[in-house]
Amino acid sequence: MVRGKIQIKRIENATSRQVTFSKRRNGLLKKAYELYVLCDAEVAVIIFSNKGKLYEFSSCDNMQNTIERYRQYKKDVQSNTPQIERYRQQLRLEAENMAKKIEFLEVSKRRMLGQNLGSCSIDELQEVENQLERSLRNIRARKGYLFKEQILQLKAKERYMQEENAKLSAKNNGTTCSQQNAEVETELFLGLPENRCS
């Protein structure tokens, strides 16, 4: 049988409230113990009933050690709060600056592509034109460099092919000379194969 969801609100019946408190308290303390054992965590739980009775669990021998550690942690966090706030402010400023730079670069890119030029002044248009001319010079210089590299590679390949061709020609000439010097005897027969034997 599946339990339905209960509504989280104060239980009006005192007996039911005490039973629920007892069960849930034991469950909470059991979970705290399991967390300590399974995860090797330092765990402390303090519970006061509505009648003021104290229930506690501590994974270390002394609850006071855990409380002192908690107080020291809170003090450290509070003392570091100004540093953390300064760091957050610095990150916020850096993010704003980056957003402005990105927006500026996007506007510049659109202008380079010839978009949204209607709102540009003559000076801005002159700057875009100068930038395009500088970019074009850089592109042409790079293209010329790549062409020269390609020409050098092709010339090196041409020399290599000429050397290989010369080697093959020399080798072929030696073979032709030896074939011309050797006498080859050939006979020519006409007619059907039976006539050859006679």
N, C-alpha and C. Protein backbone atom coordinates (compact mmCIF):
# COMPACT_ATOMS: atom_id res chain seq x y z
N MET A 1 0.84 -1.18 0.00
CA MET A 1 0.00 0.00 0.00
C MET A 1 0.88 1.24 0.00
N VAL A 2 0.61 2.14 -0.90
CA VAL A 2 1.41 3.35 -1.04
C VAL A 2 0.85 4.44 -0.14
N ARG A 3 1.77 5.09 0.61
CA ARG A 3 1.31 6.19 1.45
C ARG A 3 1.10 7.43 0.60
N GLY A 4 0.07 8.16 0.88
CA GLY A 4 -0.18 9.41 0.18
C GLY A 4 0.67 10.52 0.79
N LYS A 5 0.77 11.62 0.07
CA LYS A 5 1.53 12.75 0.58
C LYS A 5 0.77 13.39 1.73
N ILE A 6 1.51 13.74 2.77
CA ILE A 6 0.86 14.44 3.88
C ILE A 6 1.09 15.92 3.71
N GLN A 7 0.17 16.69 4.27
CA GLN A 7 0.30 18.13 4.19
C GLN A 7 1.24 18.58 5.31
N ILE A 8 2.23 19.40 4.96
CA ILE A 8 3.19 19.86 5.96
C ILE A 8 2.61 21.06 6.69
N LYS A 9 2.12 20.79 7.87
CA LYS A 9 1.61 21.84 8.75
C LYS A 9 1.62 21.27 10.17
N ARG A 10 1.44 22.12 11.12
CA ARG A 10 1.48 21.70 12.53
C ARG A 10 0.36 20.71 12.81
N ILE A 11 0.73 19.60 13.50
CA ILE A 11 -0.27 18.59 13.87
C ILE A 11 -0.98 19.10 15.12
N GLU A 12 -2.30 19.18 15.04
CA GLU A 12 -3.08 19.77 16.15
C GLU A 12 -3.21 18.80 17.33
N ASN A 13 -3.37 17.51 17.05
CA ASN A 13 -3.53 16.52 18.11
C ASN A 13 -2.19 16.33 18.81
N ALA A 14 -2.13 16.56 20.12
CA ALA A 14 -0.88 16.51 20.89
C ALA A 14 -0.26 15.12 20.89
N THR A 15 -1.10 14.08 20.99
CA THR A 15 -0.58 12.71 21.01
C THR A 15 0.03 12.36 19.65
N SER A 16 -0.68 12.66 18.59
CA SER A 16 -0.17 12.39 17.25
C SER A 16 1.12 13.18 16.99
N ARG A 17 1.12 14.42 17.49
CA ARG A 17 2.31 15.26 17.31
C ARG A 17 3.51 14.65 18.01
N GLN A 18 3.32 14.13 19.22
CA GLN A 18 4.42 13.53 19.99
C GLN A 18 4.91 12.25 19.31
N VAL A 19 4.00 11.43 18.78
CA VAL A 19 4.38 10.20 18.09
C VAL A 19 5.17 10.54 16.83
N THR A 20 4.68 11.51 16.06
CA THR A 20 5.37 11.92 14.84
C THR A 20 6.75 12.47 15.17
N PHE A 21 6.84 13.28 16.24
CA PHE A 21 8.13 13.85 16.65
C PHE A 21 9.11 12.73 16.99
N SER A 22 8.65 11.76 17.74
CA SER A 22 9.53 10.67 18.16
C SER A 22 10.04 9.87 16.96
N LYS A 23 9.12 9.54 16.03
CA LYS A 23 9.52 8.76 14.86
C LYS A 23 10.48 9.55 13.96
N ARG A 24 10.12 10.79 13.69
CA ARG A 24 10.95 11.59 12.78
C ARG A 24 12.30 11.94 13.42
N ARG A 25 12.32 12.15 14.72
CA ARG A 25 13.58 12.41 15.41
C ARG A 25 14.51 11.22 15.29
N ASN A 26 13.98 10.03 15.52
CA ASN A 26 14.80 8.82 15.41
C ASN A 26 15.30 8.63 13.97
N GLY A 27 14.41 8.91 13.00
CA GLY A 27 14.82 8.81 11.59
C GLY A 27 15.92 9.80 11.24
N LEU A 28 15.79 11.04 11.76
CA LEU A 28 16.80 12.06 11.50
C LEU A 28 18.14 11.68 12.11
N LEU A 29 18.13 11.20 13.34
CA LEU A 29 19.38 10.79 14.00
C LEU A 29 20.02 9.60 13.28
N LYS A 30 19.17 8.68 12.80
CA LYS A 30 19.68 7.52 12.05
C LYS A 30 20.33 7.98 10.75
N LYS A 31 19.68 8.91 10.04
CA LYS A 31 20.25 9.43 8.79
C LYS A 31 21.57 10.16 9.05
N ALA A 32 21.63 10.91 10.13
CA ALA A 32 22.88 11.61 10.47
C ALA A 32 24.00 10.61 10.71
N TYR A 33 23.70 9.53 11.42
CA TYR A 33 24.70 8.49 11.68
C TYR A 33 25.15 7.84 10.36
N GLU A 34 24.20 7.53 9.48
CA GLU A 34 24.54 6.92 8.19
C GLU A 34 25.42 7.85 7.35
N LEU A 35 25.10 9.14 7.36
CA LEU A 35 25.91 10.11 6.63
C LEU A 35 27.35 10.13 7.17
N TYR A 36 27.48 10.08 8.49
CA TYR A 36 28.80 10.05 9.11
C TYR A 36 29.57 8.79 8.70
N VAL A 37 28.94 7.62 8.77
CA VAL A 37 29.62 6.36 8.49
C VAL A 37 29.93 6.22 7.00
N LEU A 38 28.94 6.46 6.15
CA LEU A 38 29.11 6.23 4.71
C LEU A 38 30.05 7.24 4.06
N CYS A 39 29.98 8.48 4.48
CA CYS A 39 30.71 9.55 3.78
C CYS A 39 31.87 10.11 4.59
N ASP A 40 32.12 9.60 5.76
CA ASP A 40 33.20 10.07 6.62
C ASP A 40 33.08 11.58 6.83
N ALA A 41 31.85 12.03 7.07
CA ALA A 41 31.60 13.45 7.29
C ALA A 41 31.49 13.72 8.78
N GLU A 42 31.83 14.95 9.16
CA GLU A 42 31.64 15.34 10.55
C GLU A 42 30.23 15.88 10.65
N VAL A 43 29.39 15.20 11.46
CA VAL A 43 27.97 15.52 11.54
C VAL A 43 27.60 15.80 12.99
N ALA A 44 26.79 16.84 13.17
CA ALA A 44 26.24 17.13 14.51
C ALA A 44 24.79 17.54 14.33
N VAL A 45 23.91 16.96 15.14
CA VAL A 45 22.50 17.29 15.10
C VAL A 45 22.06 17.63 16.52
N ILE A 46 21.36 18.75 16.67
CA ILE A 46 20.82 19.17 17.96
C ILE A 46 19.33 19.37 17.78
N ILE A 47 18.54 18.72 18.62
CA ILE A 47 17.08 18.82 18.54
C ILE A 47 16.54 19.14 19.93
N PHE A 48 15.68 20.15 19.99
CA PHE A 48 14.95 20.46 21.21
C PHE A 48 13.48 20.17 20.95
N SER A 49 12.89 19.38 21.82
CA SER A 49 11.45 19.11 21.68
C SER A 49 10.68 20.36 22.09
N ASN A 50 9.34 20.36 21.87
CA ASN A 50 8.55 21.52 22.26
C ASN A 50 8.46 21.67 23.78
N LYS A 51 8.84 20.63 24.51
CA LYS A 51 8.88 20.71 25.97
C LYS A 51 10.26 21.08 26.48
N GLY A 52 11.22 21.31 25.54
CA GLY A 52 12.55 21.75 25.93
C GLY A 52 13.54 20.63 26.18
N LYS A 53 13.18 19.41 25.85
CA LYS A 53 14.08 18.28 26.06
C LYS A 53 15.10 18.24 24.92
N LEU A 54 16.38 17.97 25.24
CA LEU A 54 17.48 17.99 24.26
C LEU A 54 17.76 16.58 23.75
N TYR A 55 17.90 16.47 22.40
CA TYR A 55 18.35 15.25 21.75
C TYR A 55 19.49 15.66 20.83
N GLU A 56 20.56 14.89 20.84
CA GLU A 56 21.71 15.28 20.02
C GLU A 56 22.44 14.05 19.49
N PHE A 57 23.16 14.30 18.38
CA PHE A 57 24.06 13.29 17.82
C PHE A 57 25.30 14.03 17.33
N SER A 58 26.48 13.49 17.61
CA SER A 58 27.72 14.06 17.11
C SER A 58 28.62 12.93 16.65
N SER A 59 29.20 13.11 15.46
CA SER A 59 30.07 12.07 14.93
C SER A 59 31.43 12.07 15.63
N CYS A 60 31.83 13.20 16.21
CA CYS A 60 33.08 13.20 16.97
C CYS A 60 32.75 13.01 18.45
N ASP A 61 33.77 12.81 19.27
CA ASP A 61 33.55 12.48 20.67
C ASP A 61 32.90 13.62 21.44
N ASN A 62 33.16 14.85 21.00
CA ASN A 62 32.69 15.99 21.77
C ASN A 62 31.89 16.90 20.85
N MET A 63 30.63 17.12 21.18
CA MET A 63 29.77 18.02 20.40
C MET A 63 30.36 19.42 20.38
N GLN A 64 31.03 19.81 21.47
CA GLN A 64 31.58 21.17 21.58
C GLN A 64 32.63 21.42 20.50
N ASN A 65 33.42 20.40 20.13
CA ASN A 65 34.42 20.56 19.06
C ASN A 65 33.76 20.90 17.73
N THR A 66 32.65 20.22 17.43
CA THR A 66 31.93 20.50 16.18
C THR A 66 31.34 21.90 16.21
N ILE A 67 30.80 22.31 17.35
CA ILE A 67 30.22 23.66 17.47
C ILE A 67 31.32 24.71 17.31
N GLU A 68 32.49 24.48 17.89
CA GLU A 68 33.61 25.43 17.74
C GLU A 68 34.07 25.52 16.30
N ARG A 69 34.11 24.39 15.64
CA ARG A 69 34.49 24.38 14.23
C ARG A 69 33.48 25.17 13.39
N TYR A 70 32.21 25.00 13.72
CA TYR A 70 31.16 25.75 13.02
C TYR A 70 31.32 27.25 13.25
N ARG A 71 31.54 27.64 14.51
CA ARG A 71 31.72 29.07 14.82
C ARG A 71 32.92 29.65 14.09
N GLN A 72 34.03 28.90 14.05
CA GLN A 72 35.24 29.38 13.36
C GLN A 72 34.98 29.54 11.86
N TYR A 73 34.24 28.59 11.30
CA TYR A 73 33.91 28.67 9.88
C TYR A 73 33.07 29.91 9.60
N LYS A 74 32.06 30.16 10.42
CA LYS A 74 31.20 31.33 10.23
C LYS A 74 32.02 32.61 10.35
N LYS A 75 32.94 32.63 11.33
CA LYS A 75 33.78 33.82 11.51
C LYS A 75 34.67 34.05 10.29
N ASP A 76 35.26 32.95 9.76
CA ASP A 76 36.11 33.05 8.56
C ASP A 76 35.31 33.56 7.36
N VAL A 77 34.11 33.02 7.19
CA VAL A 77 33.27 33.43 6.07
C VAL A 77 32.92 34.91 6.19
N GLN A 78 32.55 35.34 7.40
CA GLN A 78 32.19 36.75 7.60
C GLN A 78 33.38 37.67 7.40
N SER A 79 34.59 37.22 7.83
CA SER A 79 35.77 38.07 7.64
C SER A 79 36.18 38.12 6.17
N ASN A 80 35.87 37.06 5.42
CA ASN A 80 36.21 37.03 3.99
C ASN A 80 35.14 37.67 3.12
N THR A 81 34.01 38.01 3.70
CA THR A 81 32.90 38.57 2.92
C THR A 81 33.32 39.82 2.14
N PRO A 82 34.06 40.79 2.74
CA PRO A 82 34.47 41.95 1.93
C PRO A 82 35.37 41.55 0.75
N GLN A 83 36.27 40.59 0.97
CA GLN A 83 37.15 40.14 -0.12
C GLN A 83 36.32 39.47 -1.21
N ILE A 84 35.39 38.65 -0.78
CA ILE A 84 34.54 37.96 -1.76
C ILE A 84 33.71 38.98 -2.54
N GLU A 85 33.20 39.99 -1.83
CA GLU A 85 32.39 41.01 -2.50
C GLU A 85 33.23 41.81 -3.48
N ARG A 86 34.48 42.14 -3.10
CA ARG A 86 35.38 42.85 -4.02
C ARG A 86 35.67 41.99 -5.25
N TYR A 87 35.88 40.69 -5.04
CA TYR A 87 36.14 39.78 -6.15
C TYR A 87 34.93 39.69 -7.08
N ARG A 88 33.74 39.62 -6.49
CA ARG A 88 32.52 39.59 -7.31
C ARG A 88 32.38 40.87 -8.12
N GLN A 89 32.67 42.01 -7.47
CA GLN A 89 32.57 43.29 -8.17
C GLN A 89 33.56 43.35 -9.34
N GLN A 90 34.77 42.85 -9.09
CA GLN A 90 35.79 42.82 -10.15
C GLN A 90 35.33 41.94 -11.31
N LEU A 91 34.78 40.77 -11.00
CA LEU A 91 34.28 39.88 -12.06
C LEU A 91 33.13 40.54 -12.82
N ARG A 92 32.27 41.25 -12.10
CA ARG A 92 31.15 41.93 -12.75
C ARG A 92 31.67 42.99 -13.72
N LEU A 93 32.68 43.77 -13.29
CA LEU A 93 33.26 44.79 -14.17
C LEU A 93 33.91 44.17 -15.40
N GLU A 94 34.65 43.07 -15.19
CA GLU A 94 35.28 42.39 -16.32
C GLU A 94 34.23 41.88 -17.30
N ALA A 95 33.13 41.34 -16.78
CA ALA A 95 32.07 40.84 -17.65
C ALA A 95 31.44 41.99 -18.45
N GLU A 96 31.24 43.14 -17.81
CA GLU A 96 30.69 44.30 -18.51
C GLU A 96 31.64 44.78 -19.60
N ASN A 97 32.94 44.83 -19.27
CA ASN A 97 33.93 45.25 -20.28
C ASN A 97 33.97 44.29 -21.46
N MET A 98 33.91 42.99 -21.16
CA MET A 98 33.90 41.99 -22.24
C MET A 98 32.65 42.15 -23.11
N ALA A 99 31.51 42.41 -22.48
CA ALA A 99 30.28 42.58 -23.24
C ALA A 99 30.40 43.80 -24.16
N LYS A 100 31.00 44.88 -23.66
CA LYS A 100 31.19 46.08 -24.49
C LYS A 100 32.13 45.79 -25.66
N LYS A 101 33.21 45.06 -25.38
CA LYS A 101 34.16 44.71 -26.45
C LYS A 101 33.49 43.84 -27.51
N ILE A 102 32.70 42.88 -27.06
CA ILE A 102 32.00 41.99 -28.00
C ILE A 102 31.05 42.81 -28.87
N GLU A 103 30.30 43.73 -28.25
CA GLU A 103 29.37 44.57 -29.01
C GLU A 103 30.12 45.42 -30.03
N PHE A 104 31.28 45.99 -29.61
CA PHE A 104 32.08 46.81 -30.52
C PHE A 104 32.58 45.98 -31.70
N LEU A 105 33.05 44.76 -31.42
CA LEU A 105 33.55 43.89 -32.48
C LEU A 105 32.42 43.48 -33.44
N GLU A 106 31.25 43.23 -32.90
CA GLU A 106 30.13 42.86 -33.77
C GLU A 106 29.73 44.02 -34.68
N VAL A 107 29.73 45.25 -34.12
CA VAL A 107 29.41 46.43 -34.94
C VAL A 107 30.47 46.60 -36.02
N SER A 108 31.75 46.45 -35.64
CA SER A 108 32.84 46.58 -36.62
C SER A 108 32.72 45.53 -37.71
N LYS A 109 32.39 44.30 -37.33
CA LYS A 109 32.24 43.22 -38.31
C LYS A 109 31.12 43.53 -39.30
N ARG A 110 29.97 43.99 -38.75
CA ARG A 110 28.85 44.33 -39.64
C ARG A 110 29.25 45.45 -40.60
N ARG A 111 29.99 46.43 -40.12
CA ARG A 111 30.42 47.54 -40.99
C ARG A 111 31.38 47.04 -42.07
N MET A 112 32.28 46.12 -41.70
CA MET A 112 33.21 45.57 -42.68
C MET A 112 32.48 44.81 -43.77
N LEU A 113 31.34 44.23 -43.41
CA LEU A 113 30.54 43.49 -44.38
C LEU A 113 29.60 44.41 -45.16
N GLY A 114 29.65 45.73 -44.84
CA GLY A 114 28.83 46.70 -45.56
C GLY A 114 27.41 46.79 -45.03
N GLN A 115 27.16 46.31 -43.81
CA GLN A 115 25.83 46.36 -43.22
C GLN A 115 25.74 47.51 -42.22
N ASN A 116 24.54 48.05 -42.04
CA ASN A 116 24.27 49.11 -41.05
C ASN A 116 25.19 50.32 -41.22
N LEU A 117 25.42 50.73 -42.44
CA LEU A 117 26.28 51.89 -42.69
C LEU A 117 25.50 53.21 -42.69
N GLY A 118 24.18 53.13 -42.64
CA GLY A 118 23.34 54.33 -42.72
C GLY A 118 23.57 55.30 -41.58
N SER A 119 23.93 54.80 -40.40
CA SER A 119 24.11 55.67 -39.24
C SER A 119 25.56 56.14 -39.09
N CYS A 120 26.45 55.79 -40.01
CA CYS A 120 27.87 56.13 -39.89
C CYS A 120 28.13 57.55 -40.40
N SER A 121 29.05 58.23 -39.71
CA SER A 121 29.50 59.54 -40.17
C SER A 121 30.57 59.36 -41.25
N ILE A 122 30.97 60.46 -41.86
CA ILE A 122 32.00 60.39 -42.91
C ILE A 122 33.32 59.88 -42.32
N ASP A 123 33.66 60.34 -41.11
CA ASP A 123 34.90 59.87 -40.48
C ASP A 123 34.86 58.37 -40.22
N GLU A 124 33.71 57.86 -39.75
CA GLU A 124 33.59 56.43 -39.50
C GLU A 124 33.69 55.63 -40.79
N LEU A 125 33.05 56.15 -41.84
CA LEU A 125 33.14 55.47 -43.13
C LEU A 125 34.57 55.47 -43.66
N GLN A 126 35.28 56.60 -43.45
CA GLN A 126 36.69 56.68 -43.88
C GLN A 126 37.53 55.65 -43.12
N GLU A 127 37.26 55.50 -41.82
CA GLU A 127 37.99 54.52 -41.01
C GLU A 127 37.71 53.09 -41.49
N VAL A 128 36.45 52.81 -41.83
CA VAL A 128 36.10 51.48 -42.36
C VAL A 128 36.84 51.22 -43.67
N GLU A 129 36.87 52.24 -44.53
CA GLU A 129 37.57 52.10 -45.81
C GLU A 129 39.06 51.86 -45.60
N ASN A 130 39.68 52.61 -44.69
CA ASN A 130 41.11 52.42 -44.40
C ASN A 130 41.38 51.01 -43.86
N GLN A 131 40.50 50.55 -43.00
CA GLN A 131 40.67 49.21 -42.43
C GLN A 131 40.56 48.15 -43.52
N LEU A 132 39.60 48.32 -44.42
CA LEU A 132 39.44 47.37 -45.53
C LEU A 132 40.67 47.37 -46.44
N GLU A 133 41.23 48.55 -46.71
CA GLU A 133 42.43 48.62 -47.54
C GLU A 133 43.61 47.94 -46.87
N ARG A 134 43.77 48.15 -45.54
CA ARG A 134 44.85 47.46 -44.82
C ARG A 134 44.65 45.96 -44.87
N SER A 135 43.41 45.53 -44.68
CA SER A 135 43.12 44.09 -44.73
C SER A 135 43.42 43.53 -46.11
N LEU A 136 43.04 44.27 -47.15
CA LEU A 136 43.28 43.83 -48.52
C LEU A 136 44.78 43.71 -48.81
N ARG A 137 45.56 44.67 -48.32
CA ARG A 137 47.03 44.60 -48.49
C ARG A 137 47.59 43.36 -47.80
N ASN A 138 47.12 43.10 -46.60
CA ASN A 138 47.60 41.91 -45.87
C ASN A 138 47.22 40.62 -46.60
N ILE A 139 46.00 40.59 -47.14
CA ILE A 139 45.56 39.40 -47.87
C ILE A 139 46.40 39.20 -49.12
N ARG A 140 46.65 40.29 -49.86
CA ARG A 140 47.46 40.18 -51.08
C ARG A 140 48.89 39.75 -50.76
N ALA A 141 49.45 40.29 -49.66
CA ALA A 141 50.81 39.90 -49.28
C ALA A 141 50.87 38.42 -48.94
N ARG A 142 49.89 37.94 -48.21
CA ARG A 142 49.86 36.52 -47.85
C ARG A 142 49.68 35.65 -49.09
N LYS A 143 48.81 36.09 -49.98
CA LYS A 143 48.56 35.35 -51.22
C LYS A 143 49.83 35.29 -52.07
N GLY A 144 50.56 36.42 -52.17
CA GLY A 144 51.82 36.45 -52.93
C GLY A 144 52.85 35.51 -52.32
N TYR A 145 52.93 35.51 -50.98
CA TYR A 145 53.87 34.61 -50.30
C TYR A 145 53.55 33.16 -50.62
N LEU A 146 52.25 32.80 -50.56
CA LEU A 146 51.86 31.42 -50.84
C LEU A 146 52.14 31.04 -52.28
N PHE A 147 51.92 31.99 -53.22
CA PHE A 147 52.25 31.72 -54.63
C PHE A 147 53.73 31.46 -54.80
N LYS A 148 54.58 32.28 -54.16
CA LYS A 148 56.04 32.07 -54.27
C LYS A 148 56.44 30.71 -53.72
N GLU A 149 55.85 30.35 -52.57
CA GLU A 149 56.14 29.03 -51.99
C GLU A 149 55.74 27.91 -52.95
N GLN A 150 54.58 28.06 -53.55
CA GLN A 150 54.10 27.04 -54.48
C GLN A 150 55.00 26.95 -55.71
N ILE A 151 55.45 28.11 -56.22
CA ILE A 151 56.34 28.12 -57.39
C ILE A 151 57.66 27.42 -57.05
N LEU A 152 58.21 27.71 -55.87
CA LEU A 152 59.46 27.06 -55.46
C LEU A 152 59.28 25.55 -55.37
N GLN A 153 58.15 25.13 -54.81
CA GLN A 153 57.90 23.69 -54.71
C GLN A 153 57.78 23.05 -56.09
N LEU A 154 57.08 23.74 -57.00
CA LEU A 154 56.91 23.20 -58.35
C LEU A 154 58.25 23.14 -59.10
N LYS A 155 59.12 24.15 -58.91
CA LYS A 155 60.43 24.13 -59.54
C LYS A 155 61.28 22.98 -59.01
N ALA A 156 61.20 22.77 -57.69
CA ALA A 156 61.95 21.65 -57.11
C ALA A 156 61.43 20.33 -57.67
N LYS A 157 60.12 20.23 -57.82
CA LYS A 157 59.54 19.01 -58.38
C LYS A 157 59.96 18.84 -59.85
N GLU A 158 60.02 19.96 -60.60
CA GLU A 158 60.44 19.91 -62.01
C GLU A 158 61.88 19.41 -62.12
N ARG A 159 62.78 19.94 -61.25
CA ARG A 159 64.18 19.48 -61.27
C ARG A 159 64.26 17.99 -60.97
N TYR A 160 63.50 17.57 -59.98
CA TYR A 160 63.51 16.15 -59.62
C TYR A 160 63.04 15.30 -60.80
N MET A 161 61.97 15.74 -61.47
CA MET A 161 61.43 14.98 -62.60
C MET A 161 62.43 14.95 -63.77
N GLN A 162 63.14 16.07 -63.99
CA GLN A 162 64.14 16.10 -65.06
C GLN A 162 65.29 15.14 -64.76
N GLU A 163 65.70 15.11 -63.48
CA GLU A 163 66.77 14.17 -63.10
C GLU A 163 66.31 12.73 -63.30
N GLU A 164 65.08 12.45 -62.90
CA GLU A 164 64.55 11.09 -63.08
C GLU A 164 64.46 10.75 -64.56
N ASN A 165 64.03 11.71 -65.36
CA ASN A 165 63.90 11.51 -66.81
C ASN A 165 65.27 11.23 -67.43
N ALA A 166 66.31 11.98 -66.99
CA ALA A 166 67.65 11.77 -67.50
C ALA A 166 68.16 10.37 -67.14
N LYS A 167 67.87 9.94 -65.90
CA LYS A 167 68.29 8.61 -65.48
C LYS A 167 67.61 7.54 -66.33
N LEU A 168 66.32 7.70 -66.53
CA LEU A 168 65.59 6.71 -67.33
C LEU A 168 66.05 6.72 -68.78
N SER A 169 66.37 7.91 -69.33
CA SER A 169 66.86 7.99 -70.71
C SER A 169 68.20 7.28 -70.84
N ALA A 170 69.09 7.51 -69.87
CA ALA A 170 70.40 6.86 -69.91
C ALA A 170 70.24 5.34 -69.82
N LYS A 171 69.37 4.91 -68.96
CA LYS A 171 69.14 3.49 -68.81
C LYS A 171 68.53 2.89 -70.08
N ASN A 172 67.61 3.60 -70.68
CA ASN A 172 66.94 3.14 -71.90
C ASN A 172 67.93 3.09 -73.07
N ASN A 173 68.83 4.07 -73.18
CA ASN A 173 69.84 4.08 -74.24
C ASN A 173 70.78 2.89 -74.11
N GLY A 174 71.15 2.53 -72.90
CA GLY A 174 72.03 1.37 -72.70
C GLY A 174 71.35 0.08 -73.12
N THR A 175 70.08 -0.05 -72.86
CA THR A 175 69.33 -1.24 -73.24
C THR A 175 69.16 -1.32 -74.74
N THR A 176 68.92 -0.21 -75.41
CA THR A 176 68.74 -0.18 -76.86
C THR A 176 70.04 -0.57 -77.58
N CYS A 177 71.16 -0.06 -77.08
CA CYS A 177 72.46 -0.38 -77.70
C CYS A 177 72.74 -1.87 -77.62
N SER A 178 72.48 -2.47 -76.48
CA SER A 178 72.78 -3.90 -76.34
C SER A 178 71.84 -4.72 -77.21
N GLN A 179 70.61 -4.25 -77.40
CA GLN A 179 69.68 -4.99 -78.27
C GLN A 179 70.12 -4.89 -79.73
N GLN A 180 70.66 -3.74 -80.14
CA GLN A 180 71.09 -3.58 -81.52
C GLN A 180 72.31 -4.45 -81.82
N ASN A 181 73.18 -4.64 -80.84
CA ASN A 181 74.39 -5.45 -81.03
C ASN A 181 74.07 -6.94 -81.08
N ALA A 182 73.04 -7.36 -80.42
CA ALA A 182 72.72 -8.80 -80.42
C ALA A 182 72.02 -9.16 -81.72
N GLU A 183 72.47 -10.29 -82.30
CA GLU A 183 71.86 -10.75 -83.55
C GLU A 183 70.68 -11.63 -83.22
N VAL A 184 69.62 -11.34 -83.86
CA VAL A 184 68.41 -12.11 -83.63
C VAL A 184 68.05 -12.80 -84.93
N GLU A 185 67.86 -14.10 -84.86
CA GLU A 185 67.54 -14.86 -86.05
C GLU A 185 66.04 -15.08 -86.08
N THR A 186 65.45 -14.68 -87.16
CA THR A 186 64.01 -14.85 -87.26
C THR A 186 63.70 -15.52 -88.59
N GLU A 187 62.70 -16.34 -88.62
CA GLU A 187 62.27 -16.97 -89.86
C GLU A 187 60.82 -16.62 -90.07
N LEU A 188 60.50 -16.46 -91.30
CA LEU A 188 59.14 -16.11 -91.65
C LEU A 188 58.57 -17.25 -92.47
N PHE A 189 57.48 -17.79 -92.04
CA PHE A 189 56.80 -18.86 -92.77
C PHE A 189 55.48 -18.36 -93.25
N LEU A 190 55.16 -18.74 -94.46
CA LEU A 190 53.88 -18.38 -95.02
C LEU A 190 53.10 -19.66 -95.25
N GLY A 191 51.86 -19.57 -95.05
CA GLY A 191 51.04 -20.73 -95.32
C GLY A 191 50.54 -21.38 -94.06
N LEU A 192 49.94 -22.58 -94.26
CA LEU A 192 49.37 -23.29 -93.13
C LEU A 192 50.48 -23.95 -92.33
N PRO A 193 50.21 -24.26 -91.09
CA PRO A 193 51.21 -24.84 -90.21
C PRO A 193 51.75 -26.16 -90.72
N GLU A 194 50.95 -27.00 -91.46
CA GLU A 194 51.46 -28.27 -91.94
C GLU A 194 52.58 -28.08 -92.92
N ASN A 195 52.54 -27.04 -93.69
CA ASN A 195 53.56 -26.78 -94.71
C ASN A 195 54.90 -26.42 -94.08
N ARG A 196 54.91 -25.99 -92.88
CA ARG A 196 56.15 -25.55 -92.24
C ARG A 196 57.08 -26.72 -91.97
N CYS A 197 56.55 -27.83 -91.66
CA CYS A 197 57.38 -28.97 -91.30
C CYS A 197 58.18 -29.50 -92.50
N SER A 198 57.73 -29.37 -93.72
CA SER A 198 58.40 -29.93 -94.89
C SER A 198 59.55 -29.12 -95.36
